[in-house]
Amino acid sequence: MKTLDAINYYGSNGALTAALGLSSGAISQWAEYPPDNRQLQIERITLGALKAEPGALDRVLGMDKIEAKA
């Protein structure tokens, strides 16, 4: 998901920060895509209405590094 998708889903930057329990400026520091851990959180709290990018969970768990070594 893109940051703008999450903001649009909640209707405003402020509503998204409230839903995630973040400070008001936190989301403005995100680039085009939220960090993987936030994407997973957003997917969960939207009950799957917004989907995390493929591989987000693997990157959060460090599985991408294990697979690269194999």
C-alpha atoms as a PDB file:
ATOM      1  CA  MET A   1       0.000   0.000   0.000  1.00  0.00           C
ATOM      2  CA  LYS A   2       1.066   3.541  -0.523  1.00  0.00           C
ATOM      3  CA  THR A   3       1.065   6.151   2.204  1.00  0.00           C
ATOM      4  CA  LEU A   4      -1.589   8.114   0.324  1.00  0.00           C
ATOM      5  CA  ASP A   5      -3.847   5.031   0.223  1.00  0.00           C
ATOM      6  CA  ALA A   6      -3.743   4.798   4.016  1.00  0.00           C
ATOM      7  CA  ILE A   7      -4.383   8.520   4.470  1.00  0.00           C
ATOM      8  CA  ASN A   8      -7.301   8.392   2.039  1.00  0.00           C
ATOM      9  CA  TYR A   9      -8.770   5.358   3.789  1.00  0.00           C
ATOM     10  CA  TYR A  10      -8.857   7.224   7.095  1.00  0.00           C
ATOM     11  CA  GLY A  11      -9.791  10.542   5.543  1.00  0.00           C
ATOM     12  CA  SER A  12      -6.874  12.581   6.856  1.00  0.00           C
ATOM     13  CA  ASN A  13      -3.318  12.395   8.116  1.00  0.00           C
ATOM     14  CA  GLY A  14      -4.576  13.163  11.627  1.00  0.00           C
ATOM     15  CA  ALA A  15      -7.106  10.331  11.605  1.00  0.00           C
ATOM     16  CA  LEU A  16      -4.442   7.876  10.439  1.00  0.00           C
ATOM     17  CA  THR A  17      -2.027   8.954  13.177  1.00  0.00           C
ATOM     18  CA  ALA A  18      -4.797   8.529  15.752  1.00  0.00           C
ATOM     19  CA  ALA A  19      -5.649   5.050  14.456  1.00  0.00           C
ATOM     20  CA  LEU A  20      -1.992   3.999  14.668  1.00  0.00           C
ATOM     21  CA  GLY A  21      -1.274   5.762  17.964  1.00  0.00           C
ATOM     22  CA  LEU A  22       1.487   7.862  16.423  1.00  0.00           C
ATOM     23  CA  SER A  23       2.566  11.451  16.930  1.00  0.00           C
ATOM     24  CA  SER A  24       1.166  13.987  14.502  1.00  0.00           C
ATOM     25  CA  GLY A  25       4.379  14.327  12.488  1.00  0.00           C
ATOM     26  CA  ALA A  26       5.254  10.651  12.178  1.00  0.00           C
ATOM     27  CA  ILE A  27       3.436   9.954   8.913  1.00  0.00           C
ATOM     28  CA  SER A  28       4.936  13.005   7.231  1.00  0.00           C
ATOM     29  CA  GLN A  29       8.325  11.284   7.563  1.00  0.00           C
ATOM     30  CA  TRP A  30       7.206   8.302   5.485  1.00  0.00           C
ATOM     31  CA  ALA A  31       8.138   8.168   1.840  1.00  0.00           C
ATOM     32  CA  GLU A  32       5.784   6.880  -0.854  1.00  0.00           C
ATOM     33  CA  TYR A  33       5.276   3.652   1.108  1.00  0.00           C
ATOM     34  CA  PRO A  34       4.841   3.251   4.879  1.00  0.00           C
ATOM     35  CA  PRO A  35       7.496   1.168   6.660  1.00  0.00           C
ATOM     36  CA  ASP A  36       6.838  -2.568   6.440  1.00  0.00           C
ATOM     37  CA  ASN A  37       5.842  -2.890  10.101  1.00  0.00           C
ATOM     38  CA  ARG A  38       3.294  -0.079   9.717  1.00  0.00           C
ATOM     39  CA  GLN A  39       1.918  -1.631   6.535  1.00  0.00           C
ATOM     40  CA  LEU A  40       1.290  -4.850   8.442  1.00  0.00           C
ATOM     41  CA  GLN A  41      -0.369  -2.912  11.268  1.00  0.00           C
ATOM     42  CA  ILE A  42      -2.583  -1.000   8.834  1.00  0.00           C
ATOM     43  CA  GLU A  43      -3.562  -4.218   7.041  1.00  0.00           C
ATOM     44  CA  ARG A  44      -4.592  -5.701  10.381  1.00  0.00           C
ATOM     45  CA  ILE A  45      -6.584  -2.740  11.693  1.00  0.00           C
ATOM     46  CA  THR A  46      -8.383  -2.254   8.364  1.00  0.00           C
ATOM     47  CA  LEU A  47      -9.271  -5.959   8.407  1.00  0.00           C
ATOM     48  CA  GLY A  48      -7.499  -6.417   5.090  1.00  0.00           C
ATOM     49  CA  ALA A  49      -9.112  -3.502   3.271  1.00  0.00           C
ATOM     50  CA  LEU A  50      -5.571  -2.229   2.688  1.00  0.00           C
ATOM     51  CA  LYS A  51      -2.881  -4.806   1.928  1.00  0.00           C
ATOM     52  CA  ALA A  52       0.802  -4.680   2.865  1.00  0.00           C
ATOM     53  CA  GLU A  53       3.301  -4.934   0.033  1.00  0.00           C
ATOM     54  CA  PRO A  54       4.404  -8.478  -0.856  1.00  0.00           C
ATOM     55  CA  GLY A  55       7.341  -9.541   1.292  1.00  0.00           C
ATOM     56  CA  ALA A  56       6.658  -7.022   4.081  1.00  0.00           C
ATOM     57  CA  LEU A  57       6.333  -9.693   6.751  1.00  0.00           C
ATOM     58  CA  ASP A  58       9.484 -11.482   5.572  1.00  0.00           C
ATOM     59  CA  ARG A  59      11.435  -8.214   5.735  1.00  0.00           C
ATOM     60  CA  VAL A  60      10.138  -7.418   9.238  1.00  0.00           C
ATOM     61  CA  LEU A  61      11.113 -10.893  10.432  1.00  0.00           C
ATOM     62  CA  GLY A  62      14.470 -10.790   8.666  1.00  0.00           C
ATOM     63  CA  MET A  63      13.606 -13.770   6.500  1.00  0.00           C
ATOM     64  CA  ASP A  64      14.770 -11.925   3.384  1.00  0.00           C
ATOM     65  CA  LYS A  65      18.311 -11.975   4.762  1.00  0.00           C
ATOM     66  CA  ILE A  66      18.173 -15.695   5.540  1.00  0.00           C
ATOM     67  CA  GLU A  67      16.927 -16.559   2.053  1.00  0.00           C
ATOM     68  CA  ALA A  68      19.663 -14.441   0.458  1.00  0.00           C
ATOM     69  CA  LYS A  69      22.359 -16.457   2.285  1.00  0.00           C
ATOM     70  CA  ALA A  70      20.938 -19.842   1.291  1.00  0.00           C
END
